[in-house]
Structures are given as C-alpha cells and as structure tokens.
C-alpha atoms as a PDB file:
ATOM      1  CA  ALA A   1    -125.586-173.535 -13.014  1.00  0.00           C
ATOM      2  CA  LYS A   2    -126.194-170.095 -14.537  1.00  0.00           C
ATOM      3  CA  ILE A   3    -122.598-169.582 -15.649  1.00  0.00           C
ATOM      4  CA  GLN A   4    -120.862-170.721 -18.832  1.00  0.00           C
ATOM      5  CA  VAL A   5    -117.256-169.759 -19.612  1.00  0.00           C
ATOM      6  CA  ILE A   6    -116.450-168.650 -23.143  1.00  0.00           C
ATOM      7  CA  ARG A   7    -112.781-167.861 -23.472  1.00  0.00           C
ATOM      8  CA  ASN A   8    -111.238-165.164 -25.638  1.00  0.00           C
ATOM      9  CA  GLY A   9    -110.547-166.023 -29.214  1.00  0.00           C
ATOM     10  CA  VAL A  10    -107.900-164.639 -31.557  1.00  0.00           C
ATOM     11  CA  ASP A  11    -108.325-164.030 -35.285  1.00  0.00           C
ATOM     12  CA  LEU A  12    -106.042-166.655 -36.825  1.00  0.00           C
ATOM     13  CA  ASN A  13    -106.183-164.949 -40.208  1.00  0.00           C
ATOM     14  CA  VAL A  14    -104.787-161.708 -38.791  1.00  0.00           C
ATOM     15  CA  PHE A  15    -102.219-163.436 -36.582  1.00  0.00           C
ATOM     16  CA  ASP A  16    -100.836-165.877 -39.148  1.00  0.00           C
ATOM     17  CA  PRO A  17     -97.102-166.603 -39.185  1.00  0.00           C
ATOM     18  CA  LYS A  18     -97.356-167.702 -42.814  1.00  0.00           C
ATOM     19  CA  THR A  19     -98.553-164.273 -44.038  1.00  0.00           C
ATOM     20  CA  VAL A  20     -97.386-161.677 -41.533  1.00  0.00           C
ATOM     21  CA  ASP A  21     -94.021-160.050 -42.333  1.00  0.00           C
ATOM     22  CA  GLY A  22     -92.038-158.673 -39.402  1.00  0.00           C
ATOM     23  CA  SER A  23     -89.122-157.519 -41.484  1.00  0.00           C
ATOM     24  CA  THR A  24     -90.504-153.997 -41.831  1.00  0.00           C
ATOM     25  CA  VAL A  25     -90.507-153.600 -38.055  1.00  0.00           C
ATOM     26  CA  ARG A  26     -86.892-154.775 -37.867  1.00  0.00           C
ATOM     27  CA  ARG A  27     -85.838-152.347 -40.559  1.00  0.00           C
ATOM     28  CA  GLU A  28     -87.693-149.496 -38.815  1.00  0.00           C
ATOM     29  CA  PHE A  29     -85.533-149.985 -35.718  1.00  0.00           C
ATOM     30  CA  GLY A  30     -82.313-150.800 -37.529  1.00  0.00           C
ATOM     31  CA  LEU A  31     -82.234-154.461 -36.534  1.00  0.00           C
ATOM     32  CA  GLU A  32     -80.595-157.167 -38.614  1.00  0.00           C
ATOM     33  CA  LYS A  33     -82.557-160.257 -39.602  1.00  0.00           C
ATOM     34  CA  ASP A  34     -80.507-162.418 -37.241  1.00  0.00           C
ATOM     35  CA  THR A  35     -80.504-160.043 -34.224  1.00  0.00           C
ATOM     36  CA  PRO A  36     -81.958-161.921 -31.226  1.00  0.00           C
ATOM     37  CA  LEU A  37     -85.110-159.955 -30.423  1.00  0.00           C
ATOM     38  CA  ILE A  38     -87.426-160.410 -27.467  1.00  0.00           C
ATOM     39  CA  GLY A  39     -90.523-158.362 -26.803  1.00  0.00           C
ATOM     40  CA  ILE A  40     -92.990-157.307 -24.141  1.00  0.00           C
ATOM     41  CA  VAL A  41     -96.284-155.785 -25.169  1.00  0.00           C
ATOM     42  CA  GLY A  42     -98.593-154.140 -22.662  1.00  0.00           C
ATOM     43  CA  ARG A  43     -99.462-151.154 -20.565  1.00  0.00           C
ATOM     44  CA  MET A  44     -96.578-149.979 -18.381  1.00  0.00           C
ATOM     45  CA  THR A  45     -98.011-150.590 -14.902  1.00  0.00           C
ATOM     46  CA  PRO A  46     -96.590-152.490 -11.940  1.00  0.00           C
ATOM     47  CA  GLN A  47     -98.906-155.457 -12.638  1.00  0.00           C
ATOM     48  CA  LYS A  48     -97.197-156.194 -15.999  1.00  0.00           C
ATOM     49  CA  GLY A  49     -93.731-156.840 -14.468  1.00  0.00           C
ATOM     50  CA  HIS A  50     -91.614-154.693 -16.786  1.00  0.00           C
ATOM     51  CA  LEU A  51     -89.036-154.053 -14.064  1.00  0.00           C
ATOM     52  CA  ASP A  52     -88.543-157.796 -13.580  1.00  0.00           C
ATOM     53  CA  LEU A  53     -87.744-158.130 -17.308  1.00  0.00           C
ATOM     54  CA  LEU A  54     -85.249-155.252 -17.164  1.00  0.00           C
ATOM     55  CA  THR A  55     -83.655-156.801 -14.086  1.00  0.00           C
ATOM     56  CA  ALA A  56     -83.418-160.126 -15.915  1.00  0.00           C
ATOM     57  CA  LEU A  57     -81.978-158.396 -18.966  1.00  0.00           C
ATOM     58  CA  VAL A  58     -78.599-157.859 -17.267  1.00  0.00           C
ATOM     59  CA  GLN A  59     -78.210-161.632 -17.016  1.00  0.00           C
ATOM     60  CA  ILE A  60     -79.706-162.249 -20.487  1.00  0.00           C
ATOM     61  CA  ARG A  61     -77.341-159.858 -22.171  1.00  0.00           C
ATOM     62  CA  ALA A  62     -74.339-161.392 -20.457  1.00  0.00           C
ATOM     63  CA  ALA A  63     -75.263-164.694 -22.076  1.00  0.00           C
ATOM     64  CA  VAL A  64     -76.523-163.300 -25.418  1.00  0.00           C
ATOM     65  CA  PRO A  65     -74.688-159.989 -25.981  1.00  0.00           C
ATOM     66  CA  ALA A  66     -76.464-159.129 -29.237  1.00  0.00           C
ATOM     67  CA  VAL A  67     -79.946-159.356 -27.730  1.00  0.00           C
ATOM     68  CA  ARG A  68     -82.405-156.482 -28.180  1.00  0.00           C
ATOM     69  CA  VAL A  69     -85.780-155.879 -26.467  1.00  0.00           C
ATOM     70  CA  LEU A  70     -88.873-154.211 -27.966  1.00  0.00           C
ATOM     71  CA  ILE A  71     -90.880-152.647 -25.153  1.00  0.00           C
ATOM     72  CA  VAL A  72     -94.223-151.890 -26.756  1.00  0.00           C
ATOM     73  CA  GLY A  73     -96.829-149.727 -25.074  1.00  0.00           C
ATOM     74  CA  ASP A  74     -97.094-146.768 -22.711  1.00  0.00           C
ATOM     75  CA  GLY A  75     -98.242-146.054 -19.191  1.00  0.00           C
ATOM     76  CA  PRO A  76     -97.445-144.424 -15.877  1.00  0.00           C
ATOM     77  CA  LEU A  77     -94.183-146.326 -15.414  1.00  0.00           C
ATOM     78  CA  ARG A  78     -92.633-145.320 -18.747  1.00  0.00           C
ATOM     79  CA  ASP A  79     -90.275-142.648 -17.380  1.00  0.00           C
ATOM     80  CA  GLU A  80     -89.219-144.922 -14.511  1.00  0.00           C
ATOM     81  CA  LEU A  81     -88.488-147.785 -16.909  1.00  0.00           C
ATOM     82  CA  VAL A  82     -86.512-145.567 -19.325  1.00  0.00           C
ATOM     83  CA  GLU A  83     -84.497-144.187 -16.377  1.00  0.00           C
ATOM     84  CA  TYR A  84     -83.896-147.699 -15.012  1.00  0.00           C
ATOM     85  CA  ALA A  85     -82.623-148.876 -18.385  1.00  0.00           C
ATOM     86  CA  ALA A  86     -80.218-145.925 -18.608  1.00  0.00           C
ATOM     87  CA  ARG A  87     -79.001-146.302 -15.026  1.00  0.00           C
ATOM     88  CA  HIS A  88     -78.139-149.971 -15.577  1.00  0.00           C
ATOM     89  CA  ARG A  89     -76.619-149.363 -19.000  1.00  0.00           C
ATOM     90  CA  LEU A  90     -79.371-151.265 -20.781  1.00  0.00           C
ATOM     91  CA  ASP A  91     -80.605-148.397 -22.916  1.00  0.00           C
ATOM     92  CA  ASP A  92     -78.492-149.517 -25.864  1.00  0.00           C
ATOM     93  CA  CYS A  93     -80.464-152.790 -26.111  1.00  0.00           C
ATOM     94  CA  CYS A  94     -83.904-151.499 -25.053  1.00  0.00           C
ATOM     95  CA  ILE A  95     -86.236-150.056 -27.700  1.00  0.00           C
ATOM     96  CA  PHE A  96     -89.219-148.207 -26.273  1.00  0.00           C
ATOM     97  CA  THR A  97     -91.620-148.138 -29.205  1.00  0.00           C
ATOM     98  CA  GLY A  98     -94.572-146.398 -27.539  1.00  0.00           C
ATOM     99  CA  PRO A  99     -98.142-147.482 -28.477  1.00  0.00           C
ATOM    100  CA  ARG A 100     -98.387-149.414 -31.757  1.00  0.00           C
ATOM    101  CA  GLU A 101    -101.281-150.314 -34.004  1.00  0.00           C
ATOM    102  CA  ASP A 102     -99.323-153.027 -35.914  1.00  0.00           C
ATOM    103  CA  ILE A 103     -99.190-155.777 -33.269  1.00  0.00           C
ATOM    104  CA  PRO A 104     -99.215-158.631 -35.798  1.00  0.00           C
ATOM    105  CA  ALA A 105     -96.103-157.167 -37.493  1.00  0.00           C
ATOM    106  CA  ILE A 106     -94.493-156.555 -34.093  1.00  0.00           C
ATOM    107  CA  MET A 107     -95.092-160.211 -33.201  1.00  0.00           C
ATOM    108  CA  GLY A 108     -93.725-161.251 -36.560  1.00  0.00           C
ATOM    109  CA  ALA A 109     -90.457-159.446 -35.872  1.00  0.00           C
ATOM    110  CA  LEU A 110     -89.847-161.068 -32.472  1.00  0.00           C
ATOM    111  CA  ASP A 111     -87.950-164.275 -31.674  1.00  0.00           C
ATOM    112  CA  LEU A 112     -89.820-164.706 -28.435  1.00  0.00           C
ATOM    113  CA  VAL A 113     -92.419-162.955 -26.294  1.00  0.00           C
ATOM    114  CA  VAL A 114     -92.103-162.330 -22.541  1.00  0.00           C
ATOM    115  CA  LEU A 115     -95.074-161.921 -20.204  1.00  0.00           C
ATOM    116  CA  PRO A 116     -93.680-161.322 -16.688  1.00  0.00           C
ATOM    117  CA  SER A 117     -96.972-160.229 -15.163  1.00  0.00           C
ATOM    118  CA  LEU A 118     -97.773-160.371 -11.456  1.00  0.00           C
ATOM    119  CA  SER A 119    -101.408-161.186 -12.245  1.00  0.00           C
ATOM    120  CA  GLU A 120    -103.532-161.686 -15.359  1.00  0.00           C
ATOM    121  CA  GLY A 121    -107.047-162.527 -16.389  1.00  0.00           C
ATOM    122  CA  LEU A 122    -106.891-164.319 -19.716  1.00  0.00           C
ATOM    123  CA  PRO A 123    -104.062-162.398 -21.415  1.00  0.00           C
ATOM    124  CA  PHE A 124    -104.992-161.634 -25.002  1.00  0.00           C
ATOM    125  CA  ILE A 125    -101.395-160.713 -25.938  1.00  0.00           C
ATOM    126  CA  LEU A 126    -100.366-164.281 -24.953  1.00  0.00           C
ATOM    127  CA  LEU A 127    -102.924-165.730 -27.364  1.00  0.00           C
ATOM    128  CA  GLU A 128    -101.688-163.411 -30.128  1.00  0.00           C
ATOM    129  CA  ALA A 129     -98.075-164.456 -29.540  1.00  0.00           C
ATOM    130  CA  MET A 130     -99.011-168.110 -29.582  1.00  0.00           C
ATOM    131  CA  ALA A 131    -101.143-167.650 -32.727  1.00  0.00           C
ATOM    132  CA  MET A 132     -98.020-166.251 -34.403  1.00  0.00           C
ATOM    133  CA  GLY A 133     -96.106-169.366 -33.433  1.00  0.00           C
ATOM    134  CA  LYS A 134     -93.816-167.502 -31.086  1.00  0.00           C
ATOM    135  CA  PRO A 135     -92.223-169.172 -28.091  1.00  0.00           C
ATOM    136  CA  VAL A 136     -93.274-167.523 -24.842  1.00  0.00           C
ATOM    137  CA  VAL A 137     -91.829-167.085 -21.373  1.00  0.00           C
ATOM    138  CA  ALA A 138     -94.584-166.171 -18.949  1.00  0.00           C
ATOM    139  CA  THR A 139     -95.213-166.109 -15.205  1.00  0.00           C
ATOM    140  CA  MET A 140     -97.378-168.849 -13.725  1.00  0.00           C
ATOM    141  CA  VAL A 141    -100.219-166.585 -12.581  1.00  0.00           C
ATOM    142  CA  ASN A 142    -104.014-167.080 -12.701  1.00  0.00           C
ATOM    143  CA  GLY A 143    -105.235-166.839 -16.334  1.00  0.00           C
ATOM    144  CA  VAL A 144    -101.848-167.713 -17.855  1.00  0.00           C
ATOM    145  CA  ARG A 145    -102.149-171.253 -16.557  1.00  0.00           C
ATOM    146  CA  GLU A 146    -105.469-171.587 -18.334  1.00  0.00           C
ATOM    147  CA  VAL A 147    -103.812-170.929 -21.650  1.00  0.00           C
ATOM    148  CA  VAL A 148    -100.385-172.699 -21.626  1.00  0.00           C
ATOM    149  CA  GLU A 149     -98.713-175.832 -20.328  1.00  0.00           C
ATOM    150  CA  ASP A 150     -95.178-175.481 -18.995  1.00  0.00           C
ATOM    151  CA  GLY A 151     -92.649-177.055 -21.253  1.00  0.00           C
ATOM    152  CA  VAL A 152     -95.251-177.884 -23.878  1.00  0.00           C
ATOM    153  CA  THR A 153     -96.657-174.580 -25.210  1.00  0.00           C
ATOM    154  CA  ALA A 154     -94.470-172.138 -23.210  1.00  0.00           C
ATOM    155  CA  LEU A 155     -91.933-171.870 -20.419  1.00  0.00           C
ATOM    156  CA  LEU A 156     -93.435-170.761 -17.095  1.00  0.00           C
ATOM    157  CA  VAL A 157     -91.578-169.123 -14.221  1.00  0.00           C
ATOM    158  CA  PRO A 158     -92.748-167.760 -10.864  1.00  0.00           C
ATOM    159  CA  PRO A 159     -93.662-164.061 -10.693  1.00  0.00           C
ATOM    160  CA  ARG A 160     -91.106-161.678  -9.179  1.00  0.00           C
ATOM    161  CA  ALA A 161     -88.270-164.046 -10.065  1.00  0.00           C
ATOM    162  CA  PRO A 162     -85.970-162.207 -12.491  1.00  0.00           C
ATOM    163  CA  GLU A 163     -83.225-164.832 -12.326  1.00  0.00           C
ATOM    164  CA  ARG A 164     -85.645-167.631 -13.270  1.00  0.00           C
ATOM    165  CA  LEU A 165     -87.056-165.388 -16.015  1.00  0.00           C
ATOM    166  CA  ALA A 166     -83.570-164.773 -17.364  1.00  0.00           C
ATOM    167  CA  ARG A 167     -82.721-168.434 -17.442  1.00  0.00           C
ATOM    168  CA  ALA A 168     -85.865-169.327 -19.358  1.00  0.00           C
ATOM    169  CA  VAL A 169     -85.290-166.552 -21.929  1.00  0.00           C
ATOM    170  CA  ILE A 170     -81.680-167.624 -22.397  1.00  0.00           C
ATOM    171  CA  ALA A 171     -82.769-171.219 -22.856  1.00  0.00           C
ATOM    172  CA  LEU A 172     -85.067-170.222 -25.720  1.00  0.00           C
ATOM    173  CA  LEU A 173     -82.580-167.838 -27.353  1.00  0.00           C
ATOM    174  CA  THR A 174     -79.830-170.445 -27.360  1.00  0.00           C
ATOM    175  CA  ASN A 175     -81.848-173.569 -28.136  1.00  0.00           C
ATOM    176  CA  ARG A 176     -83.506-173.295 -31.526  1.00  0.00           C
ATOM    177  CA  GLU A 177     -85.024-176.767 -31.381  1.00  0.00           C
ATOM    178  CA  LEU A 178     -86.816-176.034 -28.100  1.00  0.00           C
ATOM    179  CA  SER A 179     -87.893-172.615 -29.297  1.00  0.00           C
ATOM    180  CA  SER A 180     -89.321-173.997 -32.550  1.00  0.00           C
ATOM    181  CA  ARG A 181     -91.087-176.907 -30.797  1.00  0.00           C
ATOM    182  CA  LEU A 182     -92.833-174.578 -28.281  1.00  0.00           C
ATOM    183  CA  GLY A 183     -93.842-172.144 -31.068  1.00  0.00           C
ATOM    184  CA  VAL A 184     -95.399-174.886 -33.238  1.00  0.00           C
ATOM    185  CA  ALA A 185     -97.216-176.374 -30.276  1.00  0.00           C
ATOM    186  CA  ALA A 186     -98.473-172.934 -29.240  1.00  0.00           C
ATOM    187  CA  ARG A 187     -99.974-172.229 -32.636  1.00  0.00           C
ATOM    188  CA  GLN A 188    -101.694-175.654 -32.706  1.00  0.00           C
ATOM    189  CA  HIS A 189    -103.076-175.106 -29.211  1.00  0.00           C
ATOM    190  CA  VAL A 190    -104.617-171.715 -30.132  1.00  0.00           C
ATOM    191  CA  GLU A 191    -106.096-173.202 -33.347  1.00  0.00           C
ATOM    192  CA  GLN A 192    -107.787-175.956 -31.313  1.00  0.00           C
ATOM    193  CA  ARG A 193    -109.003-173.957 -28.287  1.00  0.00           C
ATOM    194  CA  PHE A 194    -108.702-170.180 -28.667  1.00  0.00           C
ATOM    195  CA  SER A 195    -109.693-169.229 -32.196  1.00  0.00           C
ATOM    196  CA  LEU A 196    -112.113-166.353 -32.882  1.00  0.00           C
ATOM    197  CA  THR A 197    -114.243-168.779 -34.895  1.00  0.00           C
ATOM    198  CA  LEU A 198    -114.608-171.138 -31.938  1.00  0.00           C
ATOM    199  CA  MET A 199    -115.465-168.243 -29.614  1.00  0.00           C
ATOM    200  CA  MET A 200    -118.187-167.064 -32.005  1.00  0.00           C
ATOM    201  CA  GLN A 201    -119.598-170.573 -32.332  1.00  0.00           C
ATOM    202  CA  GLN A 202    -119.789-170.908 -28.553  1.00  0.00           C
ATOM    203  CA  VAL A 203    -121.574-167.534 -28.237  1.00  0.00           C
ATOM    204  CA  GLU A 204    -124.049-168.501 -30.942  1.00  0.00           C
ATOM    205  CA  ARG A 205    -124.653-171.908 -29.269  1.00  0.00           C
ATOM    206  CA  LEU A 206    -125.303-170.248 -25.939  1.00  0.00           C
ATOM    207  CA  TYR A 207    -127.869-167.850 -27.446  1.00  0.00           C
ATOM    208  CA  GLU A 208    -129.572-170.778 -29.207  1.00  0.00           C
ATOM    209  CA  GLU A 209    -129.774-172.763 -25.928  1.00  0.00           C
ATOM    210  CA  LEU A 210    -131.209-169.750 -24.025  1.00  0.00           C
ATOM    211  CA  LEU A 211    -133.756-169.054 -26.724  1.00  0.00           C
ATOM    212  CA  ALA A 212    -134.776-172.732 -26.773  1.00  0.00           C
ATOM    213  CA  GLN A 213    -135.202-172.666 -22.983  1.00  0.00           C
ATOM    214  CA  ARG A 214    -137.337-169.542 -23.182  1.00  0.00           C
ATOM    215  CA  ALA A 215    -139.553-171.074 -25.900  1.00  0.00           C
ATOM    216  CA  SER A 216    -139.895-174.250 -23.838  1.00  0.00           C
ATOM    217  CA  GLN A 217    -140.971-172.247 -20.795  1.00  0.00           C
ATOM    218  CA  LYS A 218    -143.566-170.373 -22.797  1.00  0.00           C
ATOM    219  CA  ASP A 219    -145.005-173.583 -24.183  1.00  0.00           C
ATOM    220  CA  SER A 220    -145.285-175.076 -20.735  1.00  0.00           C
END
C-alpha cells in the first residue's frame, strides 16, 4: 500500500525521428545510406549479451552480406569482444565506436536496435530506440516485458539463444513492412506510456497526494 510505480520516461523532443538526422553518423563511419545497420548500445558486461549478438552475426551476415553493426559503449569485455570478432572474421562488419554522447543521432543512423541482455530492469535504451521509431529485437527478460509486446512493438527471443536472435534480426532486415510496422507501433507506445512528460506528471501527482494526506492528518 506504500508503493507506487512510476516508470522511466524518455524525452520525445530529443528522441524524435522527424527531427534527428543520423546521416552524419553514417558518414563518420563510411557507411552508405542503404547499408543495413544494426546497433547495440550499452556497457560491455556479460549481462548485456554482446557475445550472443556476435555469435548470431555469423548467421545474420550469411543472409544479409552487407550488414554492419555499431557496437556503442565500453566496459570490461571490450578487448574480449574485439578479439572474438577478429577470430570469427567479423571485424570487417563490426564497428566499435566506444562511448558516445550523441545517442539520438546514433539511433537515427540505425535500421534496428538489438538488446540481447540476460537481465534488465527497465531498459532506458529500449525506450530511446522505440521513441525513435526503430524496430527492436530484444530478449524476453524481466523489465523488457514491461515495455514491449512481442510481434506488436518488438520481436522478443529467449536469452542465450543466438540462433533465435539471428532469425529475428534477419526477419526485420529483410521485411520492410514488418520493420516499419513495429517501429511505428513502438513510437506510439512510448508516446502513450513512457514519455518524460507523463513521468513528471505522475511524480507531481504523487507529491500532491502525499502533501494532501499530511495536511489531512494534521487537521484531524
């Protein structure tokens, strides 16, 4: 009875697919406008599932040879991930960007976002991707299932299942209608339930209720 849940909210003005231009990011990394580009954004730790994505990438590239992957962030697994990509001859399609400040532009450059985590709270990067109208492939773990519905606002796969992850990514890269439908639905869902404005309104409402309760207790 003492707990209320107020979910994270994303600034829809900052993450706006109508105004954010991802072409500068593509030019920075020498990528053509039509190069299939997927991305993972997050700290390089075992929990985030980077190795599952790289494992899946062998299958993804076989189906979509031109695919490239932006791997955004840093962390203790960076050297291991770079070495894995080189050992499996994936280094030509993997771009390790390091930490970035321009996440809206990064999102704008991507064709889809992958979140292969083994566990999550309520993943903010997922909200940002959805706000940008990007189709998402994510693992069906804790907080992720609070945010998306499989087949409606994203494609969900089990964690630690690189083959399933690969199939979902390939489906979105090769089916523009499905990709577009999920992206549009994702943006609408964030507008309705996960906007920064809504989060602020809920916080203000909670303070008002608590202050009203305190005033009522004093009067009594």
